Amino acid sequence: MNIVYNVMVFLHIVGAAMIVGIWIGQMKQPTVHPRQFDGAMLQLLTGIALMGLIPALDMDANYPKLGIKLAVALAVGVLAFIGRRRYKKGEDVGKGLAHAVGGLALLNVAIATLWQ
């Protein structure tokens, strides 16, 4: 069961890297790339799976922290979906939307690592 948990953590980190990496890479011309939506969904699904594995592995959990992370992840997912739809239609995504997706994903990484 630990291997499943570790694989989920790995995929969760990959999802964050997809969102934040593309955001930083496109900082000069901010947009929301469709792969950022994919990363957001990967993070959301693996995060929910990790929350389900915590009791199964008798691990201690900080549920307020996980609740806040889930709320931020949902916001990132919705914003990335809106940005992906605009991107695919050829419409202007807007700097605010692009920075919200990347910035909130980075905030989620900060919450995960700094909140003990």
Protein backbone atom coordinates (compact mmCIF):
# COMPACT_ATOMS: atom_id res chain seq x y z
CA MET A 1 0.00 0.00 0.00
CA ASN A 2 2.94 2.34 0.62
CA ILE A 3 4.00 1.99 -3.02
CA VAL A 4 0.54 3.19 -4.13
CA TYR A 5 0.84 6.17 -1.79
CA ASN A 6 4.32 7.00 -3.10
CA VAL A 7 3.18 6.76 -6.74
CA MET A 8 0.26 9.10 -5.95
CA VAL A 9 2.65 11.60 -4.32
CA PHE A 10 4.91 11.42 -7.40
CA LEU A 11 2.00 12.06 -9.77
CA HIS A 12 0.75 14.85 -7.52
CA ILE A 13 4.13 16.59 -7.79
CA VAL A 14 4.15 16.08 -11.57
CA GLY A 15 0.77 17.83 -11.75
CA ALA A 16 2.11 20.81 -9.80
CA ALA A 17 5.18 20.94 -12.04
CA MET A 18 2.95 21.01 -15.13
CA ILE A 19 0.99 24.00 -13.86
CA VAL A 20 3.79 26.06 -12.33
CA GLY A 21 6.41 25.15 -14.94
CA ILE A 22 4.27 26.26 -17.87
CA TRP A 23 3.26 29.41 -15.98
CA ILE A 24 6.88 30.39 -15.35
CA GLY A 25 7.88 29.42 -18.89
CA GLN A 26 5.23 31.74 -20.36
CA MET A 27 5.76 34.63 -17.97
CA LYS A 28 6.56 37.10 -20.78
CA GLN A 29 3.31 36.34 -22.62
CA PRO A 30 1.01 34.88 -19.94
CA THR A 31 -1.68 32.46 -21.04
CA VAL A 32 -3.30 29.27 -19.80
CA HIS A 33 -2.06 26.29 -21.79
CA PRO A 34 -4.31 23.21 -22.06
CA ARG A 35 -1.62 21.13 -20.33
CA GLN A 36 -2.07 23.31 -17.24
CA PHE A 37 -5.66 22.09 -17.05
CA ASP A 38 -4.36 18.51 -17.36
CA GLY A 39 -1.94 19.19 -14.50
CA ALA A 40 -4.74 20.67 -12.39
CA MET A 41 -6.92 17.60 -12.91
CA LEU A 42 -3.97 15.31 -12.15
CA GLN A 43 -3.36 17.20 -8.91
CA LEU A 44 -7.02 17.15 -7.96
CA LEU A 45 -7.48 13.43 -8.60
CA THR A 46 -4.24 12.35 -6.94
CA GLY A 47 -4.89 14.68 -4.01
CA ILE A 48 -8.28 13.09 -3.41
CA ALA A 49 -6.70 9.63 -3.71
CA LEU A 50 -4.03 10.62 -1.19
CA MET A 51 -6.70 11.85 1.23
CA GLY A 52 -8.38 8.46 0.92
CA LEU A 53 -5.15 6.59 1.53
CA ILE A 54 -4.33 8.46 4.76
CA PRO A 55 -6.76 6.51 6.97
CA ALA A 56 -5.96 3.25 5.19
CA LEU A 57 -2.29 3.65 6.10
CA ASP A 58 -3.01 4.82 9.68
CA MET A 59 -1.31 8.14 9.00
CA ASP A 60 -2.03 11.31 10.94
CA ALA A 61 -3.68 13.99 8.84
CA ASN A 62 -4.11 17.72 9.20
CA TYR A 63 -7.66 17.90 7.84
CA PRO A 64 -8.01 21.72 7.95
CA LYS A 65 -4.86 21.96 5.81
CA LEU A 66 -6.17 19.33 3.41
CA GLY A 67 -9.52 21.11 3.18
CA ILE A 68 -7.87 24.40 2.26
CA LYS A 69 -5.65 22.64 -0.28
CA LEU A 70 -8.73 21.01 -1.82
CA ALA A 71 -10.51 24.38 -2.09
CA VAL A 72 -7.46 25.98 -3.75
CA ALA A 73 -7.09 22.99 -6.10
CA LEU A 74 -10.75 23.30 -7.12
CA ALA A 75 -10.22 27.00 -7.85
CA VAL A 76 -7.14 26.20 -9.94
CA GLY A 77 -9.08 23.54 -11.84
CA VAL A 78 -12.00 25.85 -12.63
CA LEU A 79 -9.73 28.71 -13.69
CA ALA A 80 -7.57 26.38 -15.80
CA PHE A 81 -10.72 25.02 -17.47
CA ILE A 82 -11.88 28.54 -18.34
CA GLY A 83 -8.40 29.43 -19.64
CA ARG A 84 -8.12 26.22 -21.66
CA ARG A 85 -11.49 26.86 -23.29
CA ARG A 86 -10.51 30.42 -24.23
CA TYR A 87 -7.09 29.24 -25.48
CA LYS A 88 -8.64 26.61 -27.73
CA LYS A 89 -11.14 29.12 -29.16
CA GLY A 90 -8.30 31.51 -29.95
CA GLU A 91 -9.63 34.14 -27.56
CA ASP A 92 -7.48 36.29 -25.30
CA VAL A 93 -6.93 34.46 -22.01
CA GLY A 94 -5.92 37.51 -20.02
CA LYS A 95 -2.95 38.03 -17.75
CA GLY A 96 -5.03 37.94 -14.59
CA LEU A 97 -6.45 34.50 -15.36
CA ALA A 98 -3.05 33.12 -16.34
CA HIS A 99 -1.40 34.46 -13.19
CA ALA A 100 -4.28 33.26 -11.01
CA VAL A 101 -3.83 29.68 -12.27
CA GLY A 102 -0.07 29.68 -11.73
CA GLY A 103 -0.11 31.70 -8.53
CA LEU A 104 -2.78 29.61 -6.84
CA ALA A 105 -0.97 26.40 -7.81
CA LEU A 106 2.21 27.84 -6.30
CA LEU A 107 0.22 28.81 -3.19
CA ASN A 108 -0.93 25.19 -2.89
CA VAL A 109 2.68 24.01 -3.05
CA ALA A 110 3.57 26.52 -0.33
CA ILE A 111 0.70 25.34 1.88
CA ALA A 112 1.80 21.74 1.41
CA THR A 113 5.41 22.39 2.32
CA LEU A 114 5.28 25.20 4.88
CA TRP A 115 2.19 24.37 6.94
CA GLN A 116 3.20 21.83 9.55
